[in-house]
Structure formats: C-alpha cells, structure tokens
C-alpha cells in the first residue's frame, strides 16, 4: 500500500497538508523509484494509481475525509 492524501481543511481553504501512508511493500516501491533518481537513470518518476493507468499508488483512501491523490510526479533538480 502506498497512498498520498490531502488532509481536509475548512471550507474555502486550499489543502496545506499531505499525508503519505504506506506499508512495507509500499515503502519498498517508493524507495525503488527514488533509487532511479539517485542512480541518475531518470530526472523524474511518476507514481499513479491503477485508475489512472499506474500501479504504484492505491486508489482507496484510509481517511474518508481526505482527498486521494492519483498522480505524483517527483523531479530531481
């Protein structure tokens, strides 16, 4: 499991907190993607949920009040 979720805020405000939830397999998946960046194999990685054509992120949120993020792009600058 690997999930990025925006924590809920008061109506009319933009979200300011991101919560990353993962289990051991999700941690290994995230580390593998970060190693692609560290090893210089790419300048960016995409993490997407299955509903968005990916396989790294979960579609289901564990917090019913949070907003699930379906696409995360990590760029090495």
PDB file of N, CA and C in Angstrom:
ATOM      1  N   UNK A   1       0.845  -1.173   0.000  1.00  0.00           N
ATOM      2  CA  UNK A   1       0.000   0.000   0.000  1.00  0.00           C
ATOM      3  C   UNK A   1       0.892   1.238   0.000  1.00  0.00           C
ATOM      4  N   UNK A   2       0.573   2.141  -0.885  1.00  0.00           N
ATOM      5  CA  UNK A   2       1.215   3.452  -0.928  1.00  0.00           C
ATOM      6  C   UNK A   2       0.140   4.433  -1.328  1.00  0.00           C
ATOM      7  N   UNK A   3      -0.080   5.422  -0.493  1.00  0.00           N
ATOM      8  CA  UNK A   3      -1.161   6.364  -0.736  1.00  0.00           C
ATOM      9  C   UNK A   3      -0.738   7.760  -0.307  1.00  0.00           C
ATOM     10  N   UNK A   4      -0.989   8.736  -1.166  1.00  0.00           N
ATOM     11  CA  UNK A   4      -0.775  10.143  -0.862  1.00  0.00           C
ATOM     12  C   UNK A   4      -2.160  10.764  -0.706  1.00  0.00           C
ATOM     13  N   UNK A   5      -2.385  11.446   0.409  1.00  0.00           N
ATOM     14  CA  UNK A   5      -3.708  12.008   0.682  1.00  0.00           C
ATOM     15  C   UNK A   5      -3.580  13.437   1.195  1.00  0.00           C
ATOM     16  N   UNK A   6      -4.454  14.297   0.681  1.00  0.00           N
ATOM     17  CA  UNK A   6      -4.532  15.662   1.192  1.00  0.00           C
ATOM     18  C   UNK A   6      -5.481  15.672   2.373  1.00  0.00           C
ATOM     19  N   UNK A   7      -5.003  16.202   3.490  1.00  0.00           N
ATOM     20  CA  UNK A   7      -5.840  16.250   4.673  1.00  0.00           C
ATOM     21  C   UNK A   7      -6.913  17.319   4.490  1.00  0.00           C
ATOM     22  N   UNK A   8      -8.095  17.072   5.013  1.00  0.00           N
ATOM     23  CA  UNK A   8      -9.200  18.020   4.851  1.00  0.00           C
ATOM     24  C   UNK A   8      -8.929  19.330   5.593  1.00  0.00           C
ATOM     25  N   UNK A   9      -9.511  20.395   5.045  1.00  0.00           N
ATOM     26  CA  UNK A   9      -9.377  21.727   5.646  1.00  0.00           C
ATOM     27  C   UNK A   9     -10.745  22.376   5.727  1.00  0.00           C
ATOM     28  N   UNK A  10     -10.786  23.518   6.357  1.00  0.00           N
ATOM     29  CA  UNK A  10     -12.011  24.285   6.443  1.00  0.00           C
ATOM     30  C   UNK A  10     -12.455  24.700   5.043  1.00  0.00           C
ATOM     31  N   UNK A  11     -13.726  24.701   4.827  1.00  0.00           N
ATOM     32  CA  UNK A  11     -14.295  25.062   3.527  1.00  0.00           C
ATOM     33  C   UNK A  11     -13.728  26.393   3.032  1.00  0.00           C
ATOM     34  N   UNK A  12     -13.379  26.413   1.753  1.00  0.00           N
ATOM     35  CA  UNK A  12     -12.872  27.633   1.142  1.00  0.00           C
ATOM     36  C   UNK A  12     -11.360  27.782   1.220  1.00  0.00           C
ATOM     37  N   UNK A  13     -10.694  26.917   1.941  1.00  0.00           N
ATOM     38  CA  UNK A  13      -9.237  26.975   2.060  1.00  0.00           C
ATOM     39  C   UNK A  13      -8.598  25.888   1.203  1.00  0.00           C
ATOM     40  N   UNK A  14      -7.404  26.157   0.746  1.00  0.00           N
ATOM     41  CA  UNK A  14      -6.645  25.170  -0.017  1.00  0.00           C
ATOM     42  C   UNK A  14      -5.961  24.201   0.951  1.00  0.00           C
ATOM     43  N   UNK A  15      -5.878  22.926   0.593  1.00  0.00           N
ATOM     44  CA  UNK A  15      -5.183  21.967   1.454  1.00  0.00           C
ATOM     45  C   UNK A  15      -3.729  22.372   1.656  1.00  0.00           C
ATOM     46  N   UNK A  16      -3.232  22.158   2.855  1.00  0.00           N
ATOM     47  CA  UNK A  16      -1.849  22.509   3.174  1.00  0.00           C
ATOM     48  C   UNK A  16      -1.051  21.332   3.715  1.00  0.00           C
ATOM     49  N   UNK A  17      -1.697  20.193   3.932  1.00  0.00           N
ATOM     50  CA  UNK A  17      -1.002  19.047   4.495  1.00  0.00           C
ATOM     51  C   UNK A  17      -1.182  17.814   3.621  1.00  0.00           C
ATOM     52  N   UNK A  18      -0.061  17.159   3.377  1.00  0.00           N
ATOM     53  CA  UNK A  18      -0.044  15.909   2.625  1.00  0.00           C
ATOM     54  C   UNK A  18       0.319  14.794   3.582  1.00  0.00           C
ATOM     55  N   UNK A  19      -0.438  13.737   3.561  1.00  0.00           N
ATOM     56  CA  UNK A  19      -0.145  12.572   4.386  1.00  0.00           C
ATOM     57  C   UNK A  19       0.208  11.414   3.468  1.00  0.00           C
ATOM     58  N   UNK A  20       1.327  10.765   3.746  1.00  0.00           N
ATOM     59  CA  UNK A  20       1.757   9.604   2.975  1.00  0.00           C
ATOM     60  C   UNK A  20       1.564   8.387   3.861  1.00  0.00           C
ATOM     61  N   UNK A  21       0.762   7.446   3.381  1.00  0.00           N
ATOM     62  CA  UNK A  21       0.509   6.215   4.120  1.00  0.00           C
ATOM     63  C   UNK A  21       1.080   5.059   3.318  1.00  0.00           C
ATOM     64  N   UNK A  22       1.824   4.183   4.004  1.00  0.00           N
ATOM     65  CA  UNK A  22       2.412   3.051   3.307  1.00  0.00           C
ATOM     66  C   UNK A  22       2.641   1.890   4.260  1.00  0.00           C
ATOM     67  N   UNK A  23       2.749   0.720   3.664  1.00  0.00           N
ATOM     68  CA  UNK A  23       3.139  -0.470   4.403  1.00  0.00           C
ATOM     69  C   UNK A  23       4.536  -0.856   3.910  1.00  0.00           C
ATOM     70  N   UNK A  24       5.045  -2.005   4.325  1.00  0.00           N
ATOM     71  CA  UNK A  24       6.399  -2.408   3.950  1.00  0.00           C
ATOM     72  C   UNK A  24       6.572  -2.489   2.429  1.00  0.00           C
ATOM     73  N   UNK A  25       5.580  -3.045   1.731  1.00  0.00           N
ATOM     74  CA  UNK A  25       5.663  -3.158   0.269  1.00  0.00           C
ATOM     75  C   UNK A  25       5.629  -1.775  -0.379  1.00  0.00           C
ATOM     76  N   UNK A  26       4.789  -0.889   0.145  1.00  0.00           N
ATOM     77  CA  UNK A  26       4.718   0.473  -0.376  1.00  0.00           C
ATOM     78  C   UNK A  26       6.017   1.224  -0.164  1.00  0.00           C
ATOM     79  N   UNK A  27       6.645   1.001   0.983  1.00  0.00           N
ATOM     80  CA  UNK A  27       7.941   1.629   1.255  1.00  0.00           C
ATOM     81  C   UNK A  27       8.985   1.145   0.269  1.00  0.00           C
ATOM     82  N   UNK A  28       9.024  -0.150  -0.001  1.00  0.00           N
ATOM     83  CA  UNK A  28       9.978  -0.698  -0.970  1.00  0.00           C
ATOM     84  C   UNK A  28       9.739  -0.125  -2.366  1.00  0.00           C
ATOM     85  N   UNK A  29       8.477   0.020  -2.751  1.00  0.00           N
ATOM     86  CA  UNK A  29       8.141   0.581  -4.054  1.00  0.00           C
ATOM     87  C   UNK A  29       8.610   2.031  -4.165  1.00  0.00           C
ATOM     88  N   UNK A  30       8.348   2.812  -3.133  1.00  0.00           N
ATOM     89  CA  UNK A  30       8.770   4.219  -3.133  1.00  0.00           C
ATOM     90  C   UNK A  30      10.287   4.328  -3.159  1.00  0.00           C
ATOM     91  N   UNK A  31      10.963   3.514  -2.351  1.00  0.00           N
ATOM     92  CA  UNK A  31      12.430   3.536  -2.344  1.00  0.00           C
ATOM     93  C   UNK A  31      13.004   3.162  -3.710  1.00  0.00           C
ATOM     94  N   UNK A  32      12.401   2.184  -4.371  1.00  0.00           N
ATOM     95  CA  UNK A  32      12.879   1.777  -5.700  1.00  0.00           C
ATOM     96  C   UNK A  32      12.780   2.936  -6.682  1.00  0.00           C
ATOM     97  N   UNK A  33      11.678   3.666  -6.641  1.00  0.00           N
ATOM     98  CA  UNK A  33      11.510   4.810  -7.539  1.00  0.00           C
ATOM     99  C   UNK A  33      12.516   5.914  -7.217  1.00  0.00           C
ATOM    100  N   UNK A  34      12.759   6.145  -5.937  1.00  0.00           N
ATOM    101  CA  UNK A  34      13.733   7.163  -5.537  1.00  0.00           C
ATOM    102  C   UNK A  34      15.147   6.760  -5.934  1.00  0.00           C
ATOM    103  N   UNK A  35      15.434   5.457  -5.947  1.00  0.00           N
ATOM    104  CA  UNK A  35      16.756   4.991  -6.385  1.00  0.00           C
ATOM    105  C   UNK A  35      16.962   5.239  -7.876  1.00  0.00           C
ATOM    106  N   UNK A  36      15.897   5.184  -8.681  1.00  0.00           N
ATOM    107  CA  UNK A  36      16.022   5.547 -10.094  1.00  0.00           C
ATOM    108  C   UNK A  36      16.565   6.967 -10.215  1.00  0.00           C
ATOM    109  N   UNK A  37      16.058   7.872  -9.374  1.00  0.00           N
ATOM    110  CA  UNK A  37      16.533   9.252  -9.382  1.00  0.00           C
ATOM    111  C   UNK A  37      17.976   9.339  -8.873  1.00  0.00           C
ATOM    112  N   UNK A  38      18.232   8.696  -7.749  1.00  0.00           N
ATOM    113  CA  UNK A  38      19.561   8.746  -7.132  1.00  0.00           C
ATOM    114  C   UNK A  38      20.636   8.197  -8.061  1.00  0.00           C
ATOM    115  N   UNK A  39      20.311   7.120  -8.765  1.00  0.00           N
ATOM    116  CA  UNK A  39      21.283   6.477  -9.656  1.00  0.00           C
ATOM    117  C   UNK A  39      21.437   7.193 -10.991  1.00  0.00           C
ATOM    118  N   UNK A  40      20.682   8.260 -11.206  1.00  0.00           N
ATOM    119  CA  UNK A  40      20.796   9.029 -12.440  1.00  0.00           C
ATOM    120  C   UNK A  40      20.146   8.378 -13.642  1.00  0.00           C
ATOM    121  N   UNK A  41      19.258   7.402 -13.420  1.00  0.00           N
ATOM    122  CA  UNK A  41      18.601   6.731 -14.545  1.00  0.00           C
ATOM    123  C   UNK A  41      17.501   7.583 -15.160  1.00  0.00           C
ATOM    124  N   UNK A  42      17.031   8.563 -14.414  1.00  0.00           N
ATOM    125  CA  UNK A  42      15.983   9.445 -14.897  1.00  0.00           C
ATOM    126  C   UNK A  42      16.021  10.738 -14.091  1.00  0.00           C
ATOM    127  N   UNK A  43      15.348  11.767 -14.585  1.00  0.00           N
ATOM    128  CA  UNK A  43      15.267  13.041 -13.863  1.00  0.00           C
ATOM    129  C   UNK A  43      13.941  13.190 -13.148  1.00  0.00           C
ATOM    130  N   UNK A  44      13.008  12.268 -13.428  1.00  0.00           N
ATOM    131  CA  UNK A  44      11.726  12.317 -12.741  1.00  0.00           C
ATOM    132  C   UNK A  44      11.056  10.944 -12.779  1.00  0.00           C
ATOM    133  N   UNK A  45      10.170  10.721 -11.818  1.00  0.00           N
ATOM    134  CA  UNK A  45       9.375   9.499 -11.800  1.00  0.00           C
ATOM    135  C   UNK A  45       7.914   9.872 -11.593  1.00  0.00           C
ATOM    136  N   UNK A  46       7.042   9.041 -12.123  1.00  0.00           N
ATOM    137  CA  UNK A  46       5.601   9.209 -11.956  1.00  0.00           C
ATOM    138  C   UNK A  46       5.073   8.066 -11.103  1.00  0.00           C
ATOM    139  N   UNK A  47       4.294   8.389 -10.112  1.00  0.00           N
ATOM    140  CA  UNK A  47       3.580   7.397  -9.330  1.00  0.00           C
ATOM    141  C   UNK A  47       2.104   7.635  -9.600  1.00  0.00           C
ATOM    142  N   UNK A  48       1.393   6.610 -10.069  1.00  0.00           N
ATOM    143  CA  UNK A  48      -0.026   6.768 -10.388  1.00  0.00           C
ATOM    144  C   UNK A  48      -0.825   5.597  -9.840  1.00  0.00           C
ATOM    145  N   UNK A  49      -2.076   5.879  -9.565  1.00  0.00           N
ATOM    146  CA  UNK A  49      -2.992   4.836  -9.106  1.00  0.00           C
ATOM    147  C   UNK A  49      -3.446   3.990 -10.290  1.00  0.00           C
ATOM    148  N   UNK A  50      -4.014   2.833  -9.991  1.00  0.00           N
ATOM    149  CA  UNK A  50      -4.499   1.946 -11.057  1.00  0.00           C
ATOM    150  C   UNK A  50      -5.571   2.625 -11.901  1.00  0.00           C
ATOM    151  N   UNK A  51      -6.428   3.414 -11.273  1.00  0.00           N
ATOM    152  CA  UNK A  51      -7.490   4.075 -12.040  1.00  0.00           C
ATOM    153  C   UNK A  51      -6.934   5.127 -12.998  1.00  0.00           C
ATOM    154  N   UNK A  52      -5.686   5.510 -12.798  1.00  0.00           N
ATOM    155  CA  UNK A  52      -5.036   6.465 -13.695  1.00  0.00           C
ATOM    156  C   UNK A  52      -3.991   5.789 -14.577  1.00  0.00           C
ATOM    157  N   UNK A  53      -4.020   4.460 -14.625  1.00  0.00           N
ATOM    158  CA  UNK A  53      -3.128   3.720 -15.512  1.00  0.00           C
ATOM    159  C   UNK A  53      -1.801   3.321 -14.895  1.00  0.00           C
ATOM    160  N   UNK A  54      -1.645   3.498 -13.592  1.00  0.00           N
ATOM    161  CA  UNK A  54      -0.389   3.151 -12.943  1.00  0.00           C
ATOM    162  C   UNK A  54      -0.531   1.923 -12.061  1.00  0.00           C
ATOM    163  N   UNK A  55       0.497   1.715 -11.261  1.00  0.00           N
ATOM    164  CA  UNK A  55       0.464   0.560 -10.365  1.00  0.00           C
ATOM    165  C   UNK A  55       1.086   0.848  -9.006  1.00  0.00           C
ATOM    166  N   UNK A  56       1.578   2.066  -8.799  1.00  0.00           N
ATOM    167  CA  UNK A  56       2.288   2.363  -7.562  1.00  0.00           C
ATOM    168  C   UNK A  56       1.384   2.855  -6.433  1.00  0.00           C
ATOM    169  N   UNK A  57       0.361   3.602  -6.755  1.00  0.00           N
ATOM    170  CA  UNK A  57      -0.484   4.209  -5.721  1.00  0.00           C
ATOM    171  C   UNK A  57      -1.808   3.483  -5.584  1.00  0.00           C
ATOM    172  N   UNK A  58      -2.305   3.465  -4.371  1.00  0.00           N
ATOM    173  CA  UNK A  58      -3.614   2.871  -4.108  1.00  0.00           C
ATOM    174  C   UNK A  58      -4.717   3.864  -4.424  1.00  0.00           C
ATOM    175  N   UNK A  59      -5.834   3.359  -4.912  1.00  0.00           N
ATOM    176  CA  UNK A  59      -6.995   4.194  -5.207  1.00  0.00           C
ATOM    177  C   UNK A  59      -7.813   4.513  -3.956  1.00  0.00           C
ATOM    178  N   UNK A  60      -7.770   3.620  -2.995  1.00  0.00           N
ATOM    179  CA  UNK A  60      -8.599   3.765  -1.807  1.00  0.00           C
ATOM    180  C   UNK A  60      -7.886   4.621  -0.760  1.00  0.00           C
ATOM    181  N   UNK A  61      -8.637   5.496  -0.128  1.00  0.00           N
ATOM    182  CA  UNK A  61      -8.113   6.290   0.968  1.00  0.00           C
ATOM    183  C   UNK A  61      -8.441   5.617   2.283  1.00  0.00           C
ATOM    184  N   UNK A  62      -7.567   5.751   3.243  1.00  0.00           N
ATOM    185  CA  UNK A  62      -7.834   5.200   4.564  1.00  0.00           C
ATOM    186  C   UNK A  62      -8.564   6.206   5.440  1.00  0.00           C
ATOM    187  N   UNK A  63      -8.582   7.453   5.022  1.00  0.00           N
ATOM    188  CA  UNK A  63      -9.278   8.518   5.741  1.00  0.00           C
ATOM    189  C   UNK A  63     -10.396   9.018   4.832  1.00  0.00           C
ATOM    190  N   UNK A  64     -11.627   8.754   5.197  1.00  0.00           N
ATOM    191  CA  UNK A  64     -12.754   9.107   4.325  1.00  0.00           C
ATOM    192  C   UNK A  64     -12.910  10.612   4.139  1.00  0.00           C
ATOM    193  N   UNK A  65     -12.301  11.412   5.007  1.00  0.00           N
ATOM    194  CA  UNK A  65     -12.370  12.870   4.858  1.00  0.00           C
ATOM    195  C   UNK A  65     -11.261  13.422   3.971  1.00  0.00           C
ATOM    196  N   UNK A  66     -10.242  12.626   3.709  1.00  0.00           N
ATOM    197  CA  UNK A  66      -9.102  13.083   2.924  1.00  0.00           C
ATOM    198  C   UNK A  66      -9.365  12.920   1.427  1.00  0.00           C
ATOM    199  N   UNK A  67      -8.581  13.614   0.628  1.00  0.00           N
ATOM    200  CA  UNK A  67      -8.653  13.512  -0.826  1.00  0.00           C
ATOM    201  C   UNK A  67      -7.480  12.676  -1.315  1.00  0.00           C
ATOM    202  N   UNK A  68      -7.766  11.591  -2.019  1.00  0.00           N
ATOM    203  CA  UNK A  68      -6.720  10.730  -2.555  1.00  0.00           C
ATOM    204  C   UNK A  68      -6.074  11.397  -3.764  1.00  0.00           C
ATOM    205  N   UNK A  69      -4.769  11.358  -3.806  1.00  0.00           N
ATOM    206  CA  UNK A  69      -4.015  11.890  -4.945  1.00  0.00           C
ATOM    207  C   UNK A  69      -3.705  10.720  -5.868  1.00  0.00           C
ATOM    208  N   UNK A  70      -4.037  10.864  -7.145  1.00  0.00           N
ATOM    209  CA  UNK A  70      -3.877   9.770  -8.101  1.00  0.00           C
ATOM    210  C   UNK A  70      -2.614   9.861  -8.949  1.00  0.00           C
ATOM    211  N   UNK A  71      -1.923  10.997  -8.889  1.00  0.00           N
ATOM    212  CA  UNK A  71      -0.701  11.154  -9.676  1.00  0.00           C
ATOM    213  C   UNK A  71       0.286  12.003  -8.886  1.00  0.00           C
ATOM    214  N   UNK A  72       1.479  11.443  -8.668  1.00  0.00           N
ATOM    215  CA  UNK A  72       2.555  12.162  -8.008  1.00  0.00           C
ATOM    216  C   UNK A  72       3.754  12.115  -8.953  1.00  0.00           C
ATOM    217  N   UNK A  73       4.291  13.274  -9.264  1.00  0.00           N
ATOM    218  CA  UNK A  73       5.496  13.370 -10.090  1.00  0.00           C
ATOM    219  C   UNK A  73       6.612  13.896  -9.201  1.00  0.00           C
ATOM    220  N   UNK A  74       7.714  13.142  -9.119  1.00  0.00           N
ATOM    221  CA  UNK A  74       8.862  13.533  -8.310  1.00  0.00           C
ATOM    222  C   UNK A  74       9.988  13.895  -9.264  1.00  0.00           C
ATOM    223  N   UNK A  75      10.484  15.120  -9.156  1.00  0.00           N
ATOM    224  CA  UNK A  75      11.520  15.631 -10.056  1.00  0.00           C
ATOM    225  C   UNK A  75      12.812  15.867  -9.305  1.00  0.00           C
ATOM    226  N   UNK A  76      13.924  15.469  -9.888  1.00  0.00           N
ATOM    227  CA  UNK A  76      15.236  15.717  -9.331  1.00  0.00           C
ATOM    228  C   UNK A  76      15.761  17.014  -9.941  1.00  0.00           C
ATOM    229  N   UNK A  77      16.067  17.967  -9.110  1.00  0.00           N
ATOM    230  CA  UNK A  77      16.539  19.262  -9.595  1.00  0.00           C
ATOM    231  C   UNK A  77      17.992  19.498  -9.244  1.00  0.00           C
TER     232      UNK A  77
END
